[in-house]
C-alpha atoms as a PDB file:
ATOM      1  CA  MET A   1       6.169  30.989  26.641  1.00  0.00           C
ATOM      2  CA  ALA A   2       9.666  29.747  25.930  1.00  0.00           C
ATOM      3  CA  THR A   3      12.481  28.336  28.032  1.00  0.00           C
ATOM      4  CA  ILE A   4      15.995  29.396  27.081  1.00  0.00           C
ATOM      5  CA  GLU A   5      18.781  27.217  28.483  1.00  0.00           C
ATOM      6  CA  LEU A   6      22.136  28.737  29.364  1.00  0.00           C
ATOM      7  CA  ASP A   7      25.036  26.588  30.563  1.00  0.00           C
ATOM      8  CA  VAL A   8      27.792  28.633  32.199  1.00  0.00           C
ATOM      9  CA  ARG A   9      29.608  25.774  33.946  1.00  0.00           C
ATOM     10  CA  GLY A  10      33.368  26.055  33.661  1.00  0.00           C
ATOM     11  CA  LEU A  11      33.424  29.724  32.661  1.00  0.00           C
ATOM     12  CA  GLN A  12      35.634  32.114  34.603  1.00  0.00           C
ATOM     13  CA  PRO A  13      34.125  35.160  36.358  1.00  0.00           C
ATOM     14  CA  PRO A  14      32.733  37.563  35.334  1.00  0.00           C
ATOM     15  CA  GLU A  15      31.701  35.773  32.124  1.00  0.00           C
ATOM     16  CA  PRO A  16      28.806  33.740  33.641  1.00  0.00           C
ATOM     17  CA  LEU A  17      27.213  36.885  35.079  1.00  0.00           C
ATOM     18  CA  GLU A  18      27.740  38.811  31.834  1.00  0.00           C
ATOM     19  CA  ARG A  19      26.115  36.026  29.794  1.00  0.00           C
ATOM     20  CA  VAL A  20      23.109  35.824  32.113  1.00  0.00           C
ATOM     21  CA  LEU A  21      22.561  39.585  32.031  1.00  0.00           C
ATOM     22  CA  ALA A  22      22.781  39.602  28.224  1.00  0.00           C
ATOM     23  CA  MET A  23      20.226  36.784  27.972  1.00  0.00           C
ATOM     24  CA  LEU A  24      17.783  38.570  30.286  1.00  0.00           C
ATOM     25  CA  ASP A  25      17.384  41.222  27.588  1.00  0.00           C
ATOM     26  CA  GLU A  26      16.075  38.460  25.295  1.00  0.00           C
ATOM     27  CA  LEU A  27      13.334  37.286  27.674  1.00  0.00           C
ATOM     28  CA  GLY A  28       9.779  38.069  26.687  1.00  0.00           C
ATOM     29  CA  ASP A  29       6.822  38.114  29.043  1.00  0.00           C
ATOM     30  CA  GLY A  30       6.194  34.565  30.230  1.00  0.00           C
ATOM     31  CA  ASP A  31       9.606  33.314  29.049  1.00  0.00           C
ATOM     32  CA  ARG A  32      12.158  31.900  31.440  1.00  0.00           C
ATOM     33  CA  LEU A  33      15.906  31.441  31.462  1.00  0.00           C
ATOM     34  CA  LEU A  34      17.122  28.085  32.765  1.00  0.00           C
ATOM     35  CA  LEU A  35      20.664  28.532  34.053  1.00  0.00           C
ATOM     36  CA  LYS A  36      23.042  25.623  34.717  1.00  0.00           C
ATOM     37  CA  ILE A  37      25.867  26.670  37.011  1.00  0.00           C
ATOM     38  CA  ASN A  38      28.344  25.107  39.441  1.00  0.00           C
ATOM     39  CA  CYS A  39      28.226  27.785  42.143  1.00  0.00           C
ATOM     40  CA  ARG A  40      25.560  29.780  43.971  1.00  0.00           C
ATOM     41  CA  PRO A  41      25.642  33.224  42.274  1.00  0.00           C
ATOM     42  CA  VAL A  42      24.596  35.462  45.168  1.00  0.00           C
ATOM     43  CA  PRO A  43      25.512  38.737  43.355  1.00  0.00           C
ATOM     44  CA  LEU A  44      23.228  37.679  40.496  1.00  0.00           C
ATOM     45  CA  PHE A  45      20.328  37.167  42.901  1.00  0.00           C
ATOM     46  CA  ARG A  46      20.659  40.758  44.135  1.00  0.00           C
ATOM     47  CA  ILE A  47      20.726  42.081  40.565  1.00  0.00           C
ATOM     48  CA  LEU A  48      17.636  40.055  39.665  1.00  0.00           C
ATOM     49  CA  GLU A  49      15.707  41.354  42.675  1.00  0.00           C
ATOM     50  CA  ARG A  50      16.587  44.984  41.913  1.00  0.00           C
ATOM     51  CA  ASN A  51      15.568  44.664  38.261  1.00  0.00           C
ATOM     52  CA  GLY A  52      12.184  42.982  38.507  1.00  0.00           C
ATOM     53  CA  TYR A  53      13.061  39.309  38.079  1.00  0.00           C
ATOM     54  CA  VAL A  54      12.210  36.287  40.195  1.00  0.00           C
ATOM     55  CA  HIS A  55      14.199  33.085  40.447  1.00  0.00           C
ATOM     56  CA  GLU A  56      13.853  29.553  41.702  1.00  0.00           C
ATOM     57  CA  GLU A  57      16.804  27.243  42.323  1.00  0.00           C
ATOM     58  CA  TRP A  58      17.249  23.505  42.826  1.00  0.00           C
ATOM     59  CA  PRO A  59      20.071  20.941  42.674  1.00  0.00           C
ATOM     60  CA  GLY A  60      20.962  20.150  39.085  1.00  0.00           C
ATOM     61  CA  SER A  61      21.146  16.683  37.597  1.00  0.00           C
ATOM     62  CA  ASP A  62      24.436  17.455  35.825  1.00  0.00           C
ATOM     63  CA  SER A  63      25.385  20.731  37.534  1.00  0.00           C
ATOM     64  CA  LEU A  64      25.538  21.978  41.107  1.00  0.00           C
ATOM     65  CA  LEU A  65      22.497  24.200  40.570  1.00  0.00           C
ATOM     66  CA  GLU A  66      19.783  24.899  38.062  1.00  0.00           C
ATOM     67  CA  ILE A  67      18.139  28.281  38.337  1.00  0.00           C
ATOM     68  CA  ALA A  68      14.958  29.371  36.565  1.00  0.00           C
ATOM     69  CA  ILE A  69      14.734  33.132  36.038  1.00  0.00           C
ATOM     70  CA  SER A  70      11.710  35.028  34.770  1.00  0.00           C
ATOM     71  CA  LYS A  71      10.263  38.516  34.855  1.00  0.00           C
ATOM     72  CA  ARG A  72       8.245  39.271  37.962  1.00  0.00           C
ATOM     73  CA  PRO A  73       4.536  39.005  37.081  1.00  0.00           C
ATOM     74  CA  LYS A  74       2.794  42.330  36.832  1.00  0.00           C
ATOM     75  CA  ALA A  75       0.304  42.951  39.622  1.00  0.00           C
END
């Protein structure tokens, strides 16, 4: 179980979304992506839901938001 950090603060759209989607391909079962971002990426949330990922978000210490993304556990 690994945590991969990805900081996309300051990047211009669509680069943050493209980087997140590329990193999702690297996630193994039990791994999570920790995203640091300065906006609430609503389009990303829809993509995650459609593709079997879950996310949790909270205020960041040095960014507007931190978002943990992982594969939805298998039932």
